[in-house]
Amino acid sequence: MMHRIFFAFIWIIGRVLLWIYRVDVKGLENLPKHSVLLCPNHSTDLDPVLIGLCLPLDYHLHFMAKAELFDNRALAWLIRTLGAFPVQRDGKDIQSIKTAMQVLHKGENLLIFPEGTTIRGGVGYHDGLPAHAHAGIAMIGVRTGATLVPVFCDGQKKPFHKTCIIFGEPYVPEVTGRRGTSEELQAIADEMLRQAYALGGQQVGGAPL
C-alpha cells in the first residue's frame, strides 16, 4: 500500500517533467491495456522516465535497469517502486528474462529497449559500434504472447524545448512453432526497431529517412 501511495505521489510530481520538456505525446490510443511490450528506441537516460509519465497512473509499467543501480539501498527501493527490476548487461541474465516473462504473463506491461543501451558516439552508433536490435526482446514477446508496440523517443531532450514521444500500432508476431527460429526472432526485433525510428521519420540509429 505504501509503495502505491509513493508511486502515485512521484507520478503526479513527475508530470511536471512533461511540461518542462514540452513533451508532445501521440498514439496513446494505440495501446492495449494488458500484456504490452513497449519497444522504444533509446536516445537518452530519460527515456523510461518520460515514457512512464506519459502513461495512465494505473498502466502498471515495468522496465529493466542495470544491476549497478540496485547497489544503493535507497535508490534500489525508489526504482523498484517505480517498476524497475535489475538486469546484468554483461551476459545472459536468466533471472531478468524470467521476471520479464512473469510481468507479461500477469497481464502487466513491460518496456524493453531493443538496442539495449543509449546511443553514444554519433548517429546510429553505440559506443562506436553500429546500432542494432537484440533478438531477446522478440523471444520474450513470442513466448508470452505479448502485444509489441514500437515507440519513438525524440533524442533532443532539453528543458523548455519541444520533444515528442510517439506510440505506434500494436503488433502480434507470428512465428514457426511455439518459439520461432532465431532468424524469425531477429527479424521481429529488427522490425520493431525500424518501426520505432520510422515513427519519428528516421532510420535505425537516428539518421533521417
N, C-alpha and C. Protein backbone atom coordinates (compact mmCIF):
# COMPACT_ATOMS: atom_id res chain seq x y z
N MET A 1 0.83 -1.20 0.00
CA MET A 1 0.00 0.00 0.00
C MET A 1 0.87 1.26 0.00
N MET A 2 1.93 1.24 0.84
CA MET A 2 2.84 2.38 0.91
C MET A 2 3.49 2.63 -0.44
N HIS A 3 3.89 1.55 -1.12
CA HIS A 3 4.52 1.68 -2.42
C HIS A 3 3.58 2.36 -3.42
N ARG A 4 2.30 1.98 -3.40
CA ARG A 4 1.33 2.55 -4.34
C ARG A 4 1.13 4.04 -4.09
N ILE A 5 1.05 4.42 -2.82
CA ILE A 5 0.88 5.83 -2.48
C ILE A 5 2.09 6.64 -2.93
N PHE A 6 3.29 6.10 -2.66
CA PHE A 6 4.52 6.79 -3.05
C PHE A 6 4.61 6.90 -4.56
N PHE A 7 4.27 5.81 -5.26
CA PHE A 7 4.32 5.84 -6.72
C PHE A 7 3.37 6.90 -7.27
N ALA A 8 2.16 6.97 -6.72
CA ALA A 8 1.19 7.97 -7.17
C ALA A 8 1.72 9.39 -6.94
N PHE A 9 2.37 9.60 -5.80
CA PHE A 9 2.94 10.91 -5.48
C PHE A 9 4.03 11.27 -6.49
N ILE A 10 4.94 10.33 -6.74
CA ILE A 10 6.02 10.57 -7.70
C ILE A 10 5.46 10.83 -9.09
N TRP A 11 4.44 10.06 -9.47
CA TRP A 11 3.84 10.21 -10.80
C TRP A 11 3.24 11.61 -10.96
N ILE A 12 2.53 12.07 -9.94
CA ILE A 12 1.89 13.39 -10.02
C ILE A 12 2.94 14.49 -10.10
N ILE A 13 3.94 14.41 -9.22
CA ILE A 13 5.02 15.41 -9.24
C ILE A 13 5.79 15.32 -10.55
N GLY A 14 6.04 14.09 -10.99
CA GLY A 14 6.82 13.88 -12.20
C GLY A 14 6.16 14.40 -13.46
N ARG A 15 4.85 14.54 -13.44
CA ARG A 15 4.17 15.08 -14.62
C ARG A 15 4.66 16.48 -14.97
N VAL A 16 5.27 17.14 -13.99
CA VAL A 16 5.86 18.46 -14.25
C VAL A 16 6.97 18.33 -15.30
N LEU A 17 7.66 17.18 -15.30
CA LEU A 17 8.71 16.95 -16.30
C LEU A 17 8.16 17.04 -17.72
N LEU A 18 6.93 16.55 -17.89
CA LEU A 18 6.33 16.60 -19.23
C LEU A 18 6.15 18.05 -19.68
N TRP A 19 5.89 18.94 -18.73
CA TRP A 19 5.76 20.36 -19.06
C TRP A 19 7.13 20.98 -19.29
N ILE A 20 8.10 20.65 -18.42
CA ILE A 20 9.45 21.21 -18.56
C ILE A 20 10.06 20.83 -19.90
N TYR A 21 9.86 19.57 -20.29
CA TYR A 21 10.43 19.10 -21.55
C TYR A 21 9.46 19.24 -22.72
N ARG A 22 8.31 19.87 -22.48
CA ARG A 22 7.31 20.15 -23.51
C ARG A 22 7.06 18.91 -24.36
N VAL A 23 6.73 17.82 -23.69
CA VAL A 23 6.57 16.54 -24.37
C VAL A 23 5.24 16.49 -25.11
N ASP A 24 5.32 16.27 -26.41
CA ASP A 24 4.14 16.08 -27.25
C ASP A 24 3.92 14.58 -27.40
N VAL A 25 2.85 14.07 -26.82
CA VAL A 25 2.57 12.63 -26.80
C VAL A 25 1.54 12.29 -27.87
N LYS A 26 1.86 11.31 -28.70
CA LYS A 26 0.94 10.88 -29.76
C LYS A 26 0.78 9.36 -29.72
N GLY A 27 -0.40 8.90 -30.10
CA GLY A 27 -0.63 7.47 -30.28
C GLY A 27 -1.02 6.70 -29.04
N LEU A 28 -1.33 7.37 -27.94
CA LEU A 28 -1.74 6.64 -26.73
C LEU A 28 -2.96 5.77 -26.99
N GLU A 29 -3.78 6.18 -27.94
CA GLU A 29 -4.98 5.39 -28.25
C GLU A 29 -4.63 4.03 -28.87
N ASN A 30 -3.38 3.86 -29.30
CA ASN A 30 -2.94 2.59 -29.89
C ASN A 30 -2.66 1.52 -28.85
N LEU A 31 -2.53 1.91 -27.58
CA LEU A 31 -2.05 0.98 -26.57
C LEU A 31 -3.15 0.08 -26.02
N PRO A 32 -2.99 -1.25 -26.13
CA PRO A 32 -3.85 -2.15 -25.36
C PRO A 32 -3.56 -1.94 -23.87
N LYS A 33 -4.42 -2.45 -23.01
CA LYS A 33 -4.26 -2.21 -21.58
C LYS A 33 -3.41 -3.25 -20.88
N HIS A 34 -3.31 -4.46 -21.45
CA HIS A 34 -2.66 -5.54 -20.73
C HIS A 34 -1.65 -6.29 -21.60
N SER A 35 -0.61 -6.82 -20.95
CA SER A 35 0.42 -7.66 -21.60
C SER A 35 0.99 -6.99 -22.84
N VAL A 36 1.42 -5.75 -22.66
CA VAL A 36 2.02 -4.98 -23.74
C VAL A 36 3.53 -4.89 -23.53
N LEU A 37 4.28 -5.12 -24.59
CA LEU A 37 5.73 -4.98 -24.56
C LEU A 37 6.10 -3.76 -25.40
N LEU A 38 6.43 -2.65 -24.73
CA LEU A 38 6.81 -1.43 -25.41
C LEU A 38 8.25 -1.55 -25.90
N CYS A 39 8.48 -1.15 -27.16
CA CYS A 39 9.79 -1.31 -27.80
C CYS A 39 10.28 0.04 -28.33
N PRO A 40 10.86 0.88 -27.47
CA PRO A 40 11.30 2.20 -27.91
C PRO A 40 12.75 2.20 -28.40
N ASN A 41 13.07 3.17 -29.27
CA ASN A 41 14.48 3.48 -29.48
C ASN A 41 15.01 4.12 -28.19
N HIS A 42 16.33 4.11 -28.02
CA HIS A 42 16.89 4.56 -26.73
C HIS A 42 17.84 5.72 -26.98
N SER A 43 17.32 6.94 -26.83
CA SER A 43 18.11 8.12 -27.17
C SER A 43 18.80 8.74 -25.96
N THR A 44 18.15 8.72 -24.78
CA THR A 44 18.76 9.30 -23.59
C THR A 44 18.35 8.50 -22.36
N ASP A 45 19.01 8.77 -21.24
CA ASP A 45 18.68 8.08 -19.99
C ASP A 45 17.30 8.46 -19.46
N LEU A 46 16.74 9.55 -19.95
CA LEU A 46 15.42 9.99 -19.50
C LEU A 46 14.28 9.22 -20.16
N ASP A 47 14.57 8.44 -21.18
CA ASP A 47 13.51 7.77 -21.94
C ASP A 47 12.52 7.00 -21.08
N PRO A 48 12.97 6.06 -20.23
CA PRO A 48 11.98 5.27 -19.47
C PRO A 48 11.15 6.12 -18.53
N VAL A 49 11.75 7.18 -17.97
CA VAL A 49 11.02 8.06 -17.06
C VAL A 49 9.91 8.81 -17.80
N LEU A 50 10.27 9.43 -18.92
CA LEU A 50 9.29 10.21 -19.66
C LEU A 50 8.20 9.34 -20.27
N ILE A 51 8.57 8.16 -20.76
CA ILE A 51 7.56 7.24 -21.30
C ILE A 51 6.58 6.84 -20.20
N GLY A 52 7.11 6.49 -19.03
CA GLY A 52 6.25 6.11 -17.92
C GLY A 52 5.30 7.21 -17.50
N LEU A 53 5.78 8.46 -17.54
CA LEU A 53 4.94 9.59 -17.14
C LEU A 53 3.86 9.89 -18.17
N CYS A 54 4.08 9.47 -19.41
CA CYS A 54 3.06 9.68 -20.44
C CYS A 54 1.86 8.76 -20.27
N LEU A 55 2.06 7.66 -19.57
CA LEU A 55 1.04 6.62 -19.46
C LEU A 55 0.10 6.89 -18.29
N PRO A 56 -1.10 6.31 -18.32
CA PRO A 56 -2.02 6.46 -17.19
C PRO A 56 -1.41 5.91 -15.90
N LEU A 57 -1.84 6.44 -14.78
CA LEU A 57 -1.30 6.05 -13.48
C LEU A 57 -1.45 4.56 -13.22
N ASP A 58 -2.52 3.95 -13.72
CA ASP A 58 -2.79 2.54 -13.45
C ASP A 58 -2.30 1.61 -14.55
N TYR A 59 -1.34 2.07 -15.36
CA TYR A 59 -0.90 1.25 -16.50
C TYR A 59 0.03 0.10 -16.10
N HIS A 60 0.62 0.16 -14.92
CA HIS A 60 1.46 -0.93 -14.40
C HIS A 60 2.62 -1.25 -15.35
N LEU A 61 3.45 -0.25 -15.60
CA LEU A 61 4.61 -0.44 -16.47
C LEU A 61 5.83 -0.85 -15.67
N HIS A 62 6.54 -1.88 -16.16
CA HIS A 62 7.79 -2.33 -15.56
C HIS A 62 8.91 -2.13 -16.59
N PHE A 63 10.14 -2.02 -16.11
CA PHE A 63 11.27 -1.88 -17.02
C PHE A 63 12.53 -2.42 -16.36
N MET A 64 13.49 -2.79 -17.20
CA MET A 64 14.78 -3.27 -16.72
C MET A 64 15.70 -2.09 -16.44
N ALA A 65 16.53 -2.24 -15.40
CA ALA A 65 17.55 -1.23 -15.09
C ALA A 65 18.85 -1.96 -14.77
N LYS A 66 19.97 -1.36 -15.12
CA LYS A 66 21.24 -2.03 -14.91
C LYS A 66 21.44 -2.35 -13.43
N ALA A 67 22.00 -3.52 -13.17
CA ALA A 67 22.09 -4.05 -11.81
C ALA A 67 22.85 -3.14 -10.86
N GLU A 68 23.81 -2.36 -11.38
CA GLU A 68 24.61 -1.50 -10.53
C GLU A 68 23.76 -0.47 -9.78
N LEU A 69 22.64 -0.08 -10.36
CA LEU A 69 21.78 0.91 -9.71
C LEU A 69 21.15 0.38 -8.43
N PHE A 70 21.12 -0.94 -8.28
CA PHE A 70 20.49 -1.55 -7.11
C PHE A 70 21.47 -1.75 -5.96
N ASP A 71 22.73 -1.34 -6.15
CA ASP A 71 23.73 -1.47 -5.08
C ASP A 71 23.44 -0.50 -3.94
N ASN A 72 22.84 0.62 -4.25
CA ASN A 72 22.45 1.61 -3.24
C ASN A 72 21.04 1.28 -2.76
N ARG A 73 20.88 1.03 -1.48
CA ARG A 73 19.59 0.56 -0.96
C ARG A 73 18.47 1.57 -1.18
N ALA A 74 18.76 2.84 -0.95
CA ALA A 74 17.73 3.86 -1.11
C ALA A 74 17.30 3.98 -2.57
N LEU A 75 18.30 4.01 -3.46
CA LEU A 75 18.00 4.10 -4.89
C LEU A 75 17.27 2.85 -5.37
N ALA A 76 17.71 1.69 -4.86
CA ALA A 76 17.06 0.43 -5.24
C ALA A 76 15.59 0.44 -4.87
N TRP A 77 15.29 0.92 -3.65
CA TRP A 77 13.89 0.99 -3.22
C TRP A 77 13.08 1.91 -4.12
N LEU A 78 13.69 3.05 -4.47
CA LEU A 78 13.00 4.03 -5.30
C LEU A 78 12.66 3.46 -6.67
N ILE A 79 13.66 2.90 -7.34
CA ILE A 79 13.41 2.45 -8.71
C ILE A 79 12.57 1.18 -8.76
N ARG A 80 12.66 0.35 -7.71
CA ARG A 80 11.74 -0.80 -7.65
C ARG A 80 10.30 -0.31 -7.51
N THR A 81 10.10 0.72 -6.70
CA THR A 81 8.76 1.29 -6.54
C THR A 81 8.23 1.83 -7.86
N LEU A 82 9.12 2.33 -8.69
CA LEU A 82 8.73 2.87 -9.99
C LEU A 82 8.56 1.79 -11.05
N GLY A 83 8.85 0.52 -10.69
CA GLY A 83 8.60 -0.58 -11.61
C GLY A 83 9.83 -1.24 -12.19
N ALA A 84 11.02 -0.86 -11.73
CA ALA A 84 12.25 -1.42 -12.29
C ALA A 84 12.64 -2.73 -11.63
N PHE A 85 13.34 -3.56 -12.39
CA PHE A 85 13.98 -4.75 -11.84
C PHE A 85 15.36 -4.89 -12.49
N PRO A 86 16.32 -5.51 -11.80
CA PRO A 86 17.71 -5.48 -12.27
C PRO A 86 17.99 -6.42 -13.42
N VAL A 87 18.95 -6.03 -14.25
CA VAL A 87 19.44 -6.87 -15.33
C VAL A 87 20.96 -6.76 -15.39
N GLN A 88 21.62 -7.89 -15.53
CA GLN A 88 23.07 -7.92 -15.74
C GLN A 88 23.32 -7.77 -17.24
N ARG A 89 24.03 -6.74 -17.62
CA ARG A 89 24.17 -6.43 -19.05
C ARG A 89 25.42 -7.03 -19.69
N ASP A 90 26.23 -7.76 -18.91
CA ASP A 90 27.49 -8.28 -19.46
C ASP A 90 27.36 -9.73 -19.91
N GLY A 91 26.16 -10.24 -20.04
CA GLY A 91 25.97 -11.62 -20.47
C GLY A 91 24.51 -12.02 -20.33
N LYS A 92 24.22 -13.31 -20.52
CA LYS A 92 22.85 -13.78 -20.38
C LYS A 92 22.42 -13.72 -18.93
N ASP A 93 21.28 -13.09 -18.69
CA ASP A 93 20.74 -12.95 -17.34
C ASP A 93 19.40 -13.67 -17.31
N ILE A 94 19.42 -14.93 -16.91
CA ILE A 94 18.22 -15.76 -16.94
C ILE A 94 17.15 -15.21 -16.01
N GLN A 95 17.56 -14.72 -14.83
CA GLN A 95 16.57 -14.25 -13.87
C GLN A 95 15.80 -13.04 -14.39
N SER A 96 16.48 -12.11 -15.04
CA SER A 96 15.77 -10.94 -15.55
C SER A 96 14.80 -11.33 -16.67
N ILE A 97 15.18 -12.33 -17.46
CA ILE A 97 14.27 -12.81 -18.51
C ILE A 97 13.04 -13.45 -17.89
N LYS A 98 13.24 -14.24 -16.83
CA LYS A 98 12.11 -14.86 -16.14
C LYS A 98 11.19 -13.79 -15.55
N THR A 99 11.79 -12.77 -14.93
CA THR A 99 10.99 -11.69 -14.35
C THR A 99 10.18 -10.98 -15.43
N ALA A 100 10.82 -10.70 -16.56
CA ALA A 100 10.13 -10.03 -17.66
C ALA A 100 8.93 -10.84 -18.14
N MET A 101 9.12 -12.14 -18.26
CA MET A 101 8.04 -13.00 -18.73
C MET A 101 6.92 -13.10 -17.70
N GLN A 102 7.28 -13.11 -16.42
CA GLN A 102 6.26 -13.15 -15.36
C GLN A 102 5.40 -11.89 -15.39
N VAL A 103 6.03 -10.74 -15.62
CA VAL A 103 5.29 -9.48 -15.71
C VAL A 103 4.22 -9.57 -16.78
N LEU A 104 4.60 -10.05 -17.96
CA LEU A 104 3.66 -10.11 -19.08
C LEU A 104 2.61 -11.19 -18.88
N HIS A 105 3.00 -12.32 -18.30
CA HIS A 105 2.04 -13.39 -18.03
C HIS A 105 0.97 -12.92 -17.04
N LYS A 106 1.32 -12.00 -16.14
CA LYS A 106 0.36 -11.48 -15.17
C LYS A 106 -0.59 -10.44 -15.80
N GLY A 107 -0.35 -10.10 -17.05
CA GLY A 107 -1.18 -9.10 -17.71
C GLY A 107 -0.70 -7.68 -17.51
N GLU A 108 0.47 -7.51 -16.88
CA GLU A 108 1.02 -6.18 -16.71
C GLU A 108 1.90 -5.85 -17.92
N ASN A 109 2.49 -4.67 -17.92
CA ASN A 109 3.15 -4.16 -19.13
C ASN A 109 4.64 -3.92 -18.89
N LEU A 110 5.40 -4.05 -19.96
CA LEU A 110 6.86 -4.05 -19.86
C LEU A 110 7.47 -3.17 -20.93
N LEU A 111 8.54 -2.48 -20.57
CA LEU A 111 9.31 -1.68 -21.51
C LEU A 111 10.71 -2.27 -21.63
N ILE A 112 11.12 -2.59 -22.85
CA ILE A 112 12.49 -3.05 -23.12
C ILE A 112 13.00 -2.31 -24.35
N PHE A 113 14.21 -1.79 -24.27
CA PHE A 113 14.81 -1.13 -25.42
C PHE A 113 15.48 -2.17 -26.32
N PRO A 114 15.03 -2.32 -27.57
CA PRO A 114 15.65 -3.31 -28.47
C PRO A 114 17.16 -3.11 -28.63
N GLU A 115 17.61 -1.85 -28.57
CA GLU A 115 19.04 -1.57 -28.74
C GLU A 115 19.85 -1.92 -27.49
N GLY A 116 19.20 -1.98 -26.34
CA GLY A 116 19.87 -2.40 -25.12
C GLY A 116 20.63 -1.31 -24.39
N THR A 117 20.89 -0.20 -25.05
CA THR A 117 21.65 0.88 -24.43
C THR A 117 21.37 2.18 -25.18
N THR A 118 21.77 3.30 -24.60
CA THR A 118 21.59 4.57 -25.29
C THR A 118 22.62 4.73 -26.39
N ILE A 119 22.29 5.55 -27.37
CA ILE A 119 23.20 5.80 -28.49
C ILE A 119 24.34 6.69 -28.02
N ARG A 120 25.56 6.26 -28.29
CA ARG A 120 26.75 7.06 -27.98
C ARG A 120 27.63 7.11 -29.22
N GLY A 121 28.41 8.14 -29.33
CA GLY A 121 29.42 8.18 -30.39
C GLY A 121 28.90 8.61 -31.74
N GLY A 122 27.72 9.23 -31.79
CA GLY A 122 27.23 9.73 -33.07
C GLY A 122 25.99 9.00 -33.54
N VAL A 123 25.39 9.53 -34.59
CA VAL A 123 24.14 8.99 -35.11
C VAL A 123 24.32 7.54 -35.55
N GLY A 124 23.45 6.68 -35.05
CA GLY A 124 23.46 5.29 -35.48
C GLY A 124 24.50 4.42 -34.82
N TYR A 125 25.13 4.90 -33.75
CA TYR A 125 26.20 4.13 -33.13
C TYR A 125 26.03 4.01 -31.62
N HIS A 126 26.45 2.85 -31.07
CA HIS A 126 26.55 2.62 -29.64
C HIS A 126 28.03 2.52 -29.30
N ASP A 127 28.58 3.52 -28.66
CA ASP A 127 30.00 3.49 -28.30
C ASP A 127 30.88 3.14 -29.49
N GLY A 128 30.56 3.71 -30.65
CA GLY A 128 31.37 3.48 -31.84
C GLY A 128 30.97 2.29 -32.67
N LEU A 129 30.01 1.47 -32.19
CA LEU A 129 29.57 0.29 -32.94
C LEU A 129 28.20 0.56 -33.56
N PRO A 130 27.92 0.02 -34.76
CA PRO A 130 26.62 0.27 -35.40
C PRO A 130 25.46 -0.17 -34.52
N ALA A 131 24.39 0.62 -34.52
CA ALA A 131 23.19 0.29 -33.74
C ALA A 131 22.52 -0.95 -34.31
N HIS A 132 21.97 -1.78 -33.44
CA HIS A 132 21.21 -2.94 -33.90
C HIS A 132 20.27 -3.39 -32.80
N ALA A 133 19.28 -4.21 -33.16
CA ALA A 133 18.31 -4.72 -32.20
C ALA A 133 18.76 -6.08 -31.69
N HIS A 134 18.46 -6.35 -30.42
CA HIS A 134 18.75 -7.65 -29.82
C HIS A 134 17.52 -8.54 -29.91
N ALA A 135 17.72 -9.79 -30.29
CA ALA A 135 16.60 -10.71 -30.53
C ALA A 135 15.86 -11.09 -29.26
N GLY A 136 16.47 -10.86 -28.08
CA GLY A 136 15.84 -11.25 -26.82
C GLY A 136 14.48 -10.63 -26.62
N ILE A 137 14.29 -9.40 -27.11
CA ILE A 137 13.00 -8.74 -26.93
C ILE A 137 11.91 -9.49 -27.69
N ALA A 138 12.25 -10.00 -28.87
CA ALA A 138 11.27 -10.78 -29.65
C ALA A 138 11.00 -12.12 -28.99
N MET A 139 12.04 -12.75 -28.44
CA MET A 139 11.87 -14.03 -27.75
C MET A 139 10.89 -13.89 -26.59
N ILE A 140 11.05 -12.83 -25.80
CA ILE A 140 10.15 -12.60 -24.66
C ILE A 140 8.72 -12.36 -25.16
N GLY A 141 8.59 -11.58 -26.21
CA GLY A 141 7.26 -11.31 -26.75
C GLY A 141 6.57 -12.55 -27.28
N VAL A 142 7.31 -13.37 -28.01
CA VAL A 142 6.73 -14.58 -28.61
C VAL A 142 6.34 -15.59 -27.53
N ARG A 143 7.20 -15.80 -26.57
CA ARG A 143 6.93 -16.83 -25.55
C ARG A 143 5.81 -16.44 -24.59
N THR A 144 5.54 -15.16 -24.46
CA THR A 144 4.47 -14.73 -23.56
C THR A 144 3.18 -14.38 -24.29
N GLY A 145 3.24 -14.32 -25.62
CA GLY A 145 2.07 -13.91 -26.38
C GLY A 145 1.74 -12.44 -26.23
N ALA A 146 2.73 -11.64 -25.85
CA ALA A 146 2.52 -10.21 -25.63
C ALA A 146 2.27 -9.48 -26.94
N THR A 147 1.63 -8.34 -26.83
CA THR A 147 1.47 -7.42 -27.95
C THR A 147 2.64 -6.45 -27.95
N LEU A 148 3.37 -6.38 -29.06
CA LEU A 148 4.51 -5.48 -29.16
C LEU A 148 4.06 -4.13 -29.73
N VAL A 149 4.58 -3.05 -29.16
CA VAL A 149 4.25 -1.71 -29.64
C VAL A 149 5.54 -0.91 -29.80
N PRO A 150 5.86 -0.47 -31.03
CA PRO A 150 7.04 0.38 -31.22
C PRO A 150 6.78 1.77 -30.65
N VAL A 151 7.84 2.39 -30.13
CA VAL A 151 7.72 3.73 -29.55
C VAL A 151 8.91 4.57 -30.02
N PHE A 152 8.63 5.77 -30.48
CA PHE A 152 9.71 6.69 -30.85
C PHE A 152 9.92 7.72 -29.76
N CYS A 153 11.18 7.88 -29.35
CA CYS A 153 11.57 8.90 -28.37
C CYS A 153 12.51 9.89 -29.04
N ASP A 154 12.11 11.12 -29.10
CA ASP A 154 12.95 12.17 -29.67
C ASP A 154 14.20 12.33 -28.83
N GLY A 155 15.36 12.32 -29.47
CA GLY A 155 16.63 12.43 -28.75
C GLY A 155 16.97 13.83 -28.30
N GLN A 156 16.26 14.84 -28.80
CA GLN A 156 16.57 16.24 -28.45
C GLN A 156 15.80 16.65 -27.21
N LYS A 157 16.22 16.14 -26.05
CA LYS A 157 15.51 16.44 -24.80
C LYS A 157 16.25 17.54 -24.04
N LYS A 158 15.74 18.75 -24.14
CA LYS A 158 16.29 19.88 -23.41
C LYS A 158 15.14 20.61 -22.73
N PRO A 159 15.35 21.10 -21.50
CA PRO A 159 14.28 21.81 -20.81
C PRO A 159 13.70 22.94 -21.65
N PHE A 160 12.36 22.97 -21.72
CA PHE A 160 11.60 24.02 -22.40
C PHE A 160 11.80 24.02 -23.91
N HIS A 161 12.36 22.94 -24.46
CA HIS A 161 12.43 22.74 -25.90
C HIS A 161 11.54 21.55 -26.25
N LYS A 162 10.66 21.73 -27.21
CA LYS A 162 9.66 20.71 -27.51
C LYS A 162 10.30 19.39 -27.92
N THR A 163 9.79 18.30 -27.34
CA THR A 163 10.22 16.95 -27.71
C THR A 163 8.96 16.11 -27.92
N CYS A 164 9.11 14.91 -28.43
CA CYS A 164 7.92 14.10 -28.69
C CYS A 164 8.16 12.63 -28.37
N ILE A 165 7.07 11.97 -27.99
CA ILE A 165 7.05 10.53 -27.80
C ILE A 165 5.84 10.01 -28.57
N ILE A 166 6.07 9.04 -29.46
CA ILE A 166 5.02 8.55 -30.34
C ILE A 166 4.86 7.04 -30.17
N PHE A 167 3.65 6.61 -29.86
CA PHE A 167 3.34 5.18 -29.72
C PHE A 167 2.75 4.69 -31.04
N GLY A 168 3.33 3.60 -31.58
CA GLY A 168 2.90 3.08 -32.86
C GLY A 168 1.78 2.06 -32.76
N GLU A 169 1.52 1.39 -33.87
CA GLU A 169 0.45 0.40 -33.95
C GLU A 169 0.86 -0.90 -33.26
N PRO A 170 -0.08 -1.56 -32.56
CA PRO A 170 0.22 -2.85 -31.92
C PRO A 170 0.59 -3.90 -32.96
N TYR A 171 1.45 -4.81 -32.55
CA TYR A 171 1.93 -5.87 -33.45
C TYR A 171 2.04 -7.17 -32.66
N VAL A 172 1.37 -8.21 -33.14
CA VAL A 172 1.46 -9.54 -32.53
C VAL A 172 2.26 -10.42 -33.47
N PRO A 173 3.49 -10.81 -33.11
CA PRO A 173 4.34 -11.56 -34.03
C PRO A 173 3.84 -12.97 -34.28
N GLU A 174 4.05 -13.45 -35.50
CA GLU A 174 3.74 -14.83 -35.87
C GLU A 174 5.03 -15.53 -36.25
N VAL A 175 5.23 -16.72 -35.68
CA VAL A 175 6.48 -17.46 -35.91
C VAL A 175 6.19 -18.93 -36.18
N THR A 176 7.23 -19.65 -36.57
CA THR A 176 7.15 -21.08 -36.79
C THR A 176 7.13 -21.80 -35.45
N GLY A 177 6.11 -22.63 -35.21
CA GLY A 177 6.03 -23.35 -33.95
C GLY A 177 5.70 -22.42 -32.80
N ARG A 178 6.06 -22.83 -31.59
CA ARG A 178 5.73 -22.04 -30.39
C ARG A 178 6.79 -20.99 -30.09
N ARG A 179 8.02 -21.24 -30.52
CA ARG A 179 9.12 -20.34 -30.13
C ARG A 179 9.75 -19.60 -31.29
N GLY A 180 9.55 -20.07 -32.50
CA GLY A 180 10.14 -19.41 -33.64
C GLY A 180 11.61 -19.76 -33.83
N THR A 181 12.13 -19.46 -34.99
CA THR A 181 13.54 -19.69 -35.26
C THR A 181 14.34 -18.46 -34.85
N SER A 182 15.64 -18.63 -34.72
CA SER A 182 16.49 -17.49 -34.36
C SER A 182 16.42 -16.40 -35.42
N GLU A 183 16.28 -16.81 -36.68
CA GLU A 183 16.17 -15.83 -37.76
C GLU A 183 14.87 -15.04 -37.66
N GLU A 184 13.77 -15.74 -37.32
CA GLU A 184 12.49 -15.05 -37.17
C GLU A 184 12.52 -14.07 -36.01
N LEU A 185 13.11 -14.48 -34.89
CA LEU A 185 13.17 -13.60 -33.73
C LEU A 185 14.01 -12.36 -34.02
N GLN A 186 15.13 -12.55 -34.70
CA GLN A 186 15.96 -11.39 -35.04
C GLN A 186 15.21 -10.46 -35.99
N ALA A 187 14.47 -11.04 -36.93
CA ALA A 187 13.72 -10.23 -37.89
C ALA A 187 12.64 -9.41 -37.17
N ILE A 188 11.99 -10.00 -36.17
CA ILE A 188 10.96 -9.29 -35.41
C ILE A 188 11.59 -8.12 -34.64
N ALA A 189 12.71 -8.39 -33.97
CA ALA A 189 13.39 -7.34 -33.22
C ALA A 189 13.84 -6.20 -34.14
N ASP A 190 14.39 -6.57 -35.29
CA ASP A 190 14.81 -5.55 -36.26
C ASP A 190 13.63 -4.72 -36.74
N GLU A 191 12.50 -5.39 -36.98
CA GLU A 191 11.32 -4.68 -37.47
C GLU A 191 10.77 -3.72 -36.42
N MET A 192 10.77 -4.14 -35.15
CA MET A 192 10.30 -3.25 -34.09
C MET A 192 11.17 -2.00 -33.98
N LEU A 193 12.48 -2.18 -34.09
CA LEU A 193 13.38 -1.03 -34.01
C LEU A 193 13.20 -0.13 -35.23
N ARG A 194 13.04 -0.76 -36.40
CA ARG A 194 12.82 0.02 -37.62
C ARG A 194 11.54 0.85 -37.49
N GLN A 195 10.46 0.22 -36.99
CA GLN A 195 9.19 0.94 -36.84
C GLN A 195 9.30 2.07 -35.82
N ALA A 196 10.04 1.83 -34.74
CA ALA A 196 10.20 2.86 -33.71
C ALA A 196 10.83 4.12 -34.32
N TYR A 197 11.92 3.94 -35.05
CA TYR A 197 12.57 5.10 -35.66
C TYR A 197 11.71 5.72 -36.76
N ALA A 198 11.01 4.86 -37.52
CA ALA A 198 10.18 5.37 -38.62
C ALA A 198 9.06 6.28 -38.12
N LEU A 199 8.58 6.03 -36.90
CA LEU A 199 7.54 6.89 -36.32
C LEU A 199 8.03 8.34 -36.22
N GLY A 200 9.34 8.49 -36.04
CA GLY A 200 9.93 9.83 -35.96
C GLY A 200 10.56 10.28 -37.25
N GLY A 201 10.29 9.56 -38.35
CA GLY A 201 10.84 9.93 -39.64
C GLY A 201 12.33 9.70 -39.74
N GLN A 202 12.83 8.66 -39.04
CA GLN A 202 14.26 8.38 -39.03
C GLN A 202 14.54 6.93 -39.40
N GLN A 203 15.78 6.69 -39.80
CA GLN A 203 16.28 5.33 -39.96
C GLN A 203 16.78 4.83 -38.61
N VAL A 204 17.06 3.53 -38.52
CA VAL A 204 17.61 2.98 -37.29
C VAL A 204 18.88 3.72 -36.92
N GLY A 205 18.95 4.20 -35.68
CA GLY A 205 20.10 4.95 -35.21
C GLY A 205 19.92 6.45 -35.24
N GLY A 206 18.90 6.93 -35.97
CA GLY A 206 18.60 8.36 -35.91
C GLY A 206 18.82 9.15 -37.18
N ALA A 207 19.39 8.54 -38.25
CA ALA A 207 19.57 9.28 -39.50
C ALA A 207 18.21 9.52 -40.16
N PRO A 208 18.00 10.66 -40.83
CA PRO A 208 16.72 10.93 -41.48
C PRO A 208 16.39 9.89 -42.54
N LEU A 209 15.09 9.61 -42.73
CA LEU A 209 14.67 8.70 -43.79
C LEU A 209 14.90 9.33 -45.15
